[in-house]
């Protein structure tokens, strides 16, 4: 006699199916980059002789660009910030009354708790917090901390600024970041930064980190009492917080539209016109995405040496990169909204939502635990048959283990919320 399997929990009313699915897509993309494709590149691909060049353009999409340009891999971090912005109107709705009154105590507790937890998690992943050596701590060095920064200031904008002024703020953040890079020169004991330079090691954002973070910069060390900055590390955090906020705002704009669309659909007693409202939101988001994508690429094409020069550089989170990546994020959101909220197609729905509903847990699991090594305990016997493909198999099995763990949590309604 067969027993009925427990039904999978339905998403809570305030959650967007498309947003959870898009989060899941981004987590899966992270899995591909950090595990599967990288194990293929260092294993089977490294052993190939001939015909390797034809594969390189494809594989390079799964690696961060060294400096300038944009790859599929470079989209992962902006998409996380963007989705944090999309969720803001939905997450804060229960703290805002029908007349716009705010439950300030509960609201600030939620915001500050989320920022603190994300910051601590970020230090666990890349800030050496788990080493328990205070002198080695790196307080600002991870995607989760960039999300915390963007989320906090985007929330303030959503709560306390008129709608039109949020768009003005978005423009001012991009213009201010660019103007600082173009016109400000920073003289320090470690060199001169800025003055229009976007080159590695001499740009203003990197110089600000050198001054503010110093020995607490990622990959900075202290030797004989002197701070030594490792060559090749050029990500920036402090000054780039301006554009972290801008990226999150771009997601919040889309989230506001989707939230208002949902509320209008609820208000319609007969339920008619809902599809028209959703299609209108889809078109607006897609059109806005195409516009930002075009503007970002247009700005990137400005010749070096001219006043408006601002290339797409993900490591610096430049203004042109924000426009370009936000355009891609908006187009992806529009596509997922069409598939999962308008057409309600089941294509990979459960697969993505399992990852997306528990995105923070998935991110922490794959960065703290080595699931490919755990998988190898189960698959090591295959090595004599598959040779260089063993690492790829270990990575695939490791990702499968993570997904099954998250699926079990999702089935039981256990979601890590911060």
Foldseek 3Di string as FASTA:
>chain_A
DDDDDFDFDDDPPLDDLLLLLVLLVLLVLVLCLPAQLVLCCVFVLVPDDPPSVVCVVVSCLSPADLWFDHHVVLLSLLLVLLSLLLCLCSVLVVQADPVRDGPVVVVVVQLVVQLVVLQVLQQVQQQCVVVVDVLSGQRWDGSSNLSSLLNNVLNCCVNPPPPVVLVVLLVCLQVVLLCCQCCPWDQDPVGIAGNNDPDAPRTDQQVVCCVPCNCSHRQWHADPNHIDHDPSQGAGTDSLSSLSNSSSSLSNVLSVLVVVLVVVQVPDPVSPPSLVSLVVSLVVLLVQLVVLLVQLVVLLPDDRPDSSRWTQTSSHSHSSVSSNSSSVSSNSSSVSCCDCVNVNPCVCSLVSSLCSQAVVVSVSCVSNDPLLVVLCVVVVVCCVPPPSCSSSVSSVVSVVVSSVVSSVCSSVPNHDDD
